[in-house]
Structures are given as C-alpha cells and as structure tokens.
Amino acid sequence: MRRDKTNYYLDIAETILERGTCLRRNYGAVIVKNDEIISTGFTGAPRGRKNCCDLKKCMREELKIPSGQRYELCRSVHAEQNAIISASRKDLIDSDLYLVGREVKSNDYVKNASPCELCKRFIINAGIKRVIIRDDKDNYRIVNVNEYVTNDDTVGELV
C-alpha cells in the first residue's frame, strides 16, 4: 500500500534525525511548500564546533537539567532552526514544517513532541503555516502556527 504524503514527509524527517548529534534527543525537520522540499535540518552543534556525541558529554545532562529548560547551555542548534536558516523567507511563507523526534537512549519517539518556545518564535517569524509532528510511525498532529501566536506561553507574571 502506498504511504500517504504526510507520513512520507515525516519518514524523510525521521531519516534526517539520524544525522543528529545530541546525546539526549534528536530531531529531524523538513520544510515543504507546494509539495516541494525547501530545506531540512537536524539537531547538532554549530558548524565547526565539536558535537556532543564526539565530546561524549552533555552539559545539561551533567547538570541534571530537565528537558525543556536552560537551552542556553546546550551546544546544539535545533532541527527547526537549522531548517529555517537554510531557506529563504520567501520560500518559507505558507510552508509546512514536518518534525520527528527520538530519544537517544531508547530510540522511542519523543512523547508529546513540540517545538521549544524559541523555535516557535523562529517558526512564527519565518511565515510557516503548519507544523506536523509525528507521535508514532503512522500517527501525527497538525498544529496551525497561528496557535503559537494566540496561545503565547511566554506571557504571564514574572515570579
């Protein structure tokens, strides 16, 4: 049976994540517009810097920082960011970003995967229309980027 187009692009993102260099989680991203791949990205250190997998250490892991916190201590550029910076904004407007994440230790799909708050800002400003996130081999969620604008998690009282 022929694979549906959404899972086809998610399968490509899943292959791309295999290039990831994070010791915790690796993500792959594919940006598609008008049924054409615009760009791809995976989790990894900036060009020219050593990757965590080569250093065999993760600063956030060593400091026992929970997932989703203190990204400024991370060596990696996120898959979404790498895909966005590899494309022209005019090509990104009204595109779709396909995202797949896997845990390094278990190789399981990341549960409730979602772009971090910084990546959401990149996605909004890039003009991307939808983010399609894989939950398992055949199931996914579609998020309209407008939800990132209207449900702004960064607004609130400072503690």
C-alpha atoms as a PDB file:
ATOM      1  CA  MET A   1       0.000   0.000   0.000  1.00  0.00           C
ATOM      2  CA  ARG A   2       1.251   3.443  -0.903  1.00  0.00           C
ATOM      3  CA  ARG A   3       2.331   5.681   2.024  1.00  0.00           C
ATOM      4  CA  ASP A   4       0.233   8.828   2.498  1.00  0.00           C
ATOM      5  CA  LYS A   5       2.043  12.071   1.698  1.00  0.00           C
ATOM      6  CA  THR A   6       2.133  13.378   5.280  1.00  0.00           C
ATOM      7  CA  ASN A   7       3.841  10.230   6.561  1.00  0.00           C
ATOM      8  CA  TYR A   8       6.123  10.291   3.516  1.00  0.00           C
ATOM      9  CA  TYR A   9       7.500  13.687   4.597  1.00  0.00           C
ATOM     10  CA  LEU A  10       7.601  12.584   8.239  1.00  0.00           C
ATOM     11  CA  ASP A  11       9.579   9.489   7.153  1.00  0.00           C
ATOM     12  CA  ILE A  12      12.082  11.803   5.466  1.00  0.00           C
ATOM     13  CA  ALA A  13      12.336  13.899   8.658  1.00  0.00           C
ATOM     14  CA  GLU A  14      12.889  10.698  10.608  1.00  0.00           C
ATOM     15  CA  THR A  15      15.756   9.717   8.320  1.00  0.00           C
ATOM     16  CA  ILE A  16      17.263  13.194   8.692  1.00  0.00           C
ATOM     17  CA  LEU A  17      17.239  12.962  12.502  1.00  0.00           C
ATOM     18  CA  GLU A  18      19.745  10.108  12.211  1.00  0.00           C
ATOM     19  CA  ARG A  19      22.378  12.789  11.484  1.00  0.00           C
ATOM     20  CA  GLY A  20      21.638  14.388  14.872  1.00  0.00           C
ATOM     21  CA  THR A  21      24.479  14.624  17.352  1.00  0.00           C
ATOM     22  CA  CYS A  22      22.668  15.201  20.657  1.00  0.00           C
ATOM     23  CA  LEU A  23      23.126  12.658  23.446  1.00  0.00           C
ATOM     24  CA  ARG A  24      19.570  13.158  24.750  1.00  0.00           C
ATOM     25  CA  ARG A  25      17.150  13.624  21.854  1.00  0.00           C
ATOM     26  CA  ASN A  26      17.490  14.044  18.148  1.00  0.00           C
ATOM     27  CA  TYR A  27      15.025  15.730  15.856  1.00  0.00           C
ATOM     28  CA  GLY A  28      14.697  15.935  12.112  1.00  0.00           C
ATOM     29  CA  ALA A  29      12.801  18.691  10.317  1.00  0.00           C
ATOM     30  CA  VAL A  30      11.650  19.029   6.725  1.00  0.00           C
ATOM     31  CA  ILE A  31      10.089  22.194   5.362  1.00  0.00           C
ATOM     32  CA  VAL A  32       7.752  21.660   2.417  1.00  0.00           C
ATOM     33  CA  LYS A  33       5.913  24.139   0.217  1.00  0.00           C
ATOM     34  CA  ASN A  34       3.704  23.275  -2.734  1.00  0.00           C
ATOM     35  CA  ASP A  35       4.777  19.630  -2.429  1.00  0.00           C
ATOM     36  CA  GLU A  36       8.460  20.532  -2.783  1.00  0.00           C
ATOM     37  CA  ILE A  37      11.103  20.140  -0.087  1.00  0.00           C
ATOM     38  CA  ILE A  38      12.530  23.587   0.667  1.00  0.00           C
ATOM     39  CA  SER A  39      15.052  22.659   3.358  1.00  0.00           C
ATOM     40  CA  THR A  40      15.935  20.176   6.068  1.00  0.00           C
ATOM     41  CA  GLY A  41      17.566  20.329   9.475  1.00  0.00           C
ATOM     42  CA  PHE A  42      18.727  18.124  12.323  1.00  0.00           C
ATOM     43  CA  THR A  43      19.923  18.698  15.882  1.00  0.00           C
ATOM     44  CA  GLY A  44      23.630  19.469  16.035  1.00  0.00           C
ATOM     45  CA  ALA A  45      26.372  21.850  17.139  1.00  0.00           C
ATOM     46  CA  PRO A  46      27.044  24.951  15.038  1.00  0.00           C
ATOM     47  CA  ARG A  47      29.277  24.375  12.023  1.00  0.00           C
ATOM     48  CA  GLY A  48      32.909  23.979  13.019  1.00  0.00           C
ATOM     49  CA  ARG A  49      32.196  23.244  16.686  1.00  0.00           C
ATOM     50  CA  LYS A  50      32.525  19.788  18.193  1.00  0.00           C
ATOM     51  CA  ASN A  51      29.318  17.816  18.640  1.00  0.00           C
ATOM     52  CA  CYS A  52      28.232  16.336  21.961  1.00  0.00           C
ATOM     53  CA  CYS A  53      28.403  12.830  20.503  1.00  0.00           C
ATOM     54  CA  ASP A  54      32.083  13.470  19.667  1.00  0.00           C
ATOM     55  CA  LEU A  55      32.805  15.025  23.067  1.00  0.00           C
ATOM     56  CA  LYS A  56      30.864  12.182  24.704  1.00  0.00           C
ATOM     57  CA  LYS A  57      29.303  14.591  27.170  1.00  0.00           C
ATOM     58  CA  CYS A  58      26.279  16.826  27.559  1.00  0.00           C
ATOM     59  CA  MET A  59      26.485  19.843  29.841  1.00  0.00           C
ATOM     60  CA  ARG A  60      22.729  19.795  30.504  1.00  0.00           C
ATOM     61  CA  GLU A  61      22.880  16.072  31.340  1.00  0.00           C
ATOM     62  CA  GLU A  62      25.849  16.579  33.678  1.00  0.00           C
ATOM     63  CA  LEU A  63      23.965  19.377  35.470  1.00  0.00           C
ATOM     64  CA  LYS A  64      20.791  17.239  35.565  1.00  0.00           C
ATOM     65  CA  ILE A  65      18.761  19.939  33.839  1.00  0.00           C
ATOM     66  CA  PRO A  66      15.249  18.727  32.990  1.00  0.00           C
ATOM     67  CA  SER A  67      14.140  18.551  29.393  1.00  0.00           C
ATOM     68  CA  GLY A  68      12.843  21.850  28.065  1.00  0.00           C
ATOM     69  CA  GLN A  69      14.934  24.051  30.366  1.00  0.00           C
ATOM     70  CA  ARG A  70      18.173  26.049  30.114  1.00  0.00           C
ATOM     71  CA  TYR A  71      18.694  25.648  26.380  1.00  0.00           C
ATOM     72  CA  GLU A  72      21.372  28.329  26.516  1.00  0.00           C
ATOM     73  CA  LEU A  73      23.665  25.660  27.995  1.00  0.00           C
ATOM     74  CA  CYS A  74      23.095  23.324  25.048  1.00  0.00           C
ATOM     75  CA  ARG A  75      25.691  23.068  22.262  1.00  0.00           C
ATOM     76  CA  SER A  76      23.093  22.171  19.645  1.00  0.00           C
ATOM     77  CA  VAL A  77      21.114  24.188  17.183  1.00  0.00           C
ATOM     78  CA  HIS A  78      17.618  22.703  16.965  1.00  0.00           C
ATOM     79  CA  ALA A  79      16.424  20.919  13.845  1.00  0.00           C
ATOM     80  CA  GLU A  80      13.695  23.509  13.213  1.00  0.00           C
ATOM     81  CA  GLN A  81      16.214  26.343  13.466  1.00  0.00           C
ATOM     82  CA  ASN A  82      18.661  24.629  11.111  1.00  0.00           C
ATOM     83  CA  ALA A  83      15.911  24.046   8.547  1.00  0.00           C
ATOM     84  CA  ILE A  84      14.712  27.654   8.775  1.00  0.00           C
ATOM     85  CA  ILE A  85      18.154  29.248   8.438  1.00  0.00           C
ATOM     86  CA  SER A  86      18.875  27.070   5.405  1.00  0.00           C
ATOM     87  CA  ALA A  87      15.975  28.561   3.436  1.00  0.00           C
ATOM     88  CA  SER A  88      14.882  31.886   2.061  1.00  0.00           C
ATOM     89  CA  ARG A  89      11.995  33.554   3.896  1.00  0.00           C
ATOM     90  CA  LYS A  90      10.027  33.956   0.672  1.00  0.00           C
ATOM     91  CA  ASP A  91      10.153  30.171   0.271  1.00  0.00           C
ATOM     92  CA  LEU A  92       9.093  29.618   3.894  1.00  0.00           C
ATOM     93  CA  ILE A  93       5.925  31.728   3.788  1.00  0.00           C
ATOM     94  CA  ASP A  94       2.860  29.425   3.947  1.00  0.00           C
ATOM     95  CA  SER A  95       5.033  26.298   4.108  1.00  0.00           C
ATOM     96  CA  ASP A  96       4.668  23.256   6.370  1.00  0.00           C
ATOM     97  CA  LEU A  97       7.323  22.028   8.796  1.00  0.00           C
ATOM     98  CA  TYR A  98       7.411  18.255   9.423  1.00  0.00           C
ATOM     99  CA  LEU A  99       9.052  17.304  12.724  1.00  0.00           C
ATOM    100  CA  VAL A 100      10.113  13.965  14.220  1.00  0.00           C
ATOM    101  CA  GLY A 101      11.973  13.411  17.488  1.00  0.00           C
ATOM    102  CA  ARG A 102      13.532  10.297  19.019  1.00  0.00           C
ATOM    103  CA  GLU A 103      15.032   9.654  22.434  1.00  0.00           C
ATOM    104  CA  VAL A 104      18.689   8.662  22.053  1.00  0.00           C
ATOM    105  CA  LYS A 105      18.801   6.048  24.827  1.00  0.00           C
ATOM    106  CA  SER A 106      15.577   4.184  23.985  1.00  0.00           C
ATOM    107  CA  ASN A 107      15.096   5.205  20.324  1.00  0.00           C
ATOM    108  CA  ASP A 108      11.413   5.801  21.214  1.00  0.00           C
ATOM    109  CA  TYR A 109       9.532   8.678  19.658  1.00  0.00           C
ATOM    110  CA  VAL A 110       9.583  11.759  21.874  1.00  0.00           C
ATOM    111  CA  LYS A 111       6.262  11.791  23.733  1.00  0.00           C
ATOM    112  CA  ASN A 112       4.205  14.934  23.105  1.00  0.00           C
ATOM    113  CA  ALA A 113       6.988  16.385  20.964  1.00  0.00           C
ATOM    114  CA  SER A 114       6.682  20.077  20.251  1.00  0.00           C
ATOM    115  CA  PRO A 115       8.992  22.891  19.216  1.00  0.00           C
ATOM    116  CA  CYS A 116      10.513  24.744  22.170  1.00  0.00           C
ATOM    117  CA  GLU A 117       9.456  28.349  22.827  1.00  0.00           C
ATOM    118  CA  LEU A 118      12.448  29.745  20.915  1.00  0.00           C
ATOM    119  CA  CYS A 119      11.785  27.504  17.909  1.00  0.00           C
ATOM    120  CA  LYS A 120       8.134  28.583  17.960  1.00  0.00           C
ATOM    121  CA  ARG A 121       9.343  32.182  17.573  1.00  0.00           C
ATOM    122  CA  PHE A 122      11.533  31.199  14.626  1.00  0.00           C
ATOM    123  CA  ILE A 123       8.599  29.323  13.048  1.00  0.00           C
ATOM    124  CA  ILE A 124       6.232  32.282  13.500  1.00  0.00           C
ATOM    125  CA  ASN A 125       8.667  34.811  12.021  1.00  0.00           C
ATOM    126  CA  ALA A 126       9.598  32.514   9.143  1.00  0.00           C
ATOM    127  CA  GLY A 127       5.972  32.571   7.975  1.00  0.00           C
ATOM    128  CA  ILE A 128       5.487  28.810   8.291  1.00  0.00           C
ATOM    129  CA  LYS A 129       1.784  27.919   8.267  1.00  0.00           C
ATOM    130  CA  ARG A 130       1.618  24.483   9.945  1.00  0.00           C
ATOM    131  CA  VAL A 131       3.804  22.156  11.996  1.00  0.00           C
ATOM    132  CA  ILE A 132       3.156  18.445  11.566  1.00  0.00           C
ATOM    133  CA  ILE A 133       4.576  16.382  14.451  1.00  0.00           C
ATOM    134  CA  ARG A 134       4.972  12.596  14.472  1.00  0.00           C
ATOM    135  CA  ASP A 135       3.572  10.766  17.504  1.00  0.00           C
ATOM    136  CA  ASP A 136       4.337   7.246  16.246  1.00  0.00           C
ATOM    137  CA  LYS A 137       5.109   5.518  12.957  1.00  0.00           C
ATOM    138  CA  ASP A 138       1.683   6.262  11.457  1.00  0.00           C
ATOM    139  CA  ASN A 139       0.108   8.966  13.642  1.00  0.00           C
ATOM    140  CA  TYR A 140       0.791  12.674  13.826  1.00  0.00           C
ATOM    141  CA  ARG A 141      -0.619  16.002  14.982  1.00  0.00           C
ATOM    142  CA  ILE A 142      -1.082  19.098  12.880  1.00  0.00           C
ATOM    143  CA  VAL A 143      -0.627  22.442  14.627  1.00  0.00           C
ATOM    144  CA  ASN A 144      -1.601  25.684  12.922  1.00  0.00           C
ATOM    145  CA  VAL A 145       1.194  28.141  13.683  1.00  0.00           C
ATOM    146  CA  ASN A 146      -1.424  30.779  14.469  1.00  0.00           C
ATOM    147  CA  GLU A 147      -1.986  28.776  17.700  1.00  0.00           C
ATOM    148  CA  TYR A 148       1.594  29.641  18.723  1.00  0.00           C
ATOM    149  CA  VAL A 149       0.656  33.302  18.353  1.00  0.00           C
ATOM    150  CA  THR A 150      -2.684  33.228  20.158  1.00  0.00           C
ATOM    151  CA  ASN A 151      -1.563  30.784  22.897  1.00  0.00           C
ATOM    152  CA  ASP A 152       1.607  32.647  23.816  1.00  0.00           C
ATOM    153  CA  ASP A 153       3.142  30.714  26.736  1.00  0.00           C
ATOM    154  CA  THR A 154       5.739  33.447  27.294  1.00  0.00           C
ATOM    155  CA  VAL A 155       3.195  35.998  28.527  1.00  0.00           C
ATOM    156  CA  GLY A 156       2.480  35.973  32.216  1.00  0.00           C
ATOM    157  CA  GLU A 157       3.514  37.287  35.539  1.00  0.00           C
ATOM    158  CA  LEU A 158       7.167  37.180  36.445  1.00  0.00           C
ATOM    159  CA  VAL A 159       7.835  35.133  39.523  1.00  0.00           C
END
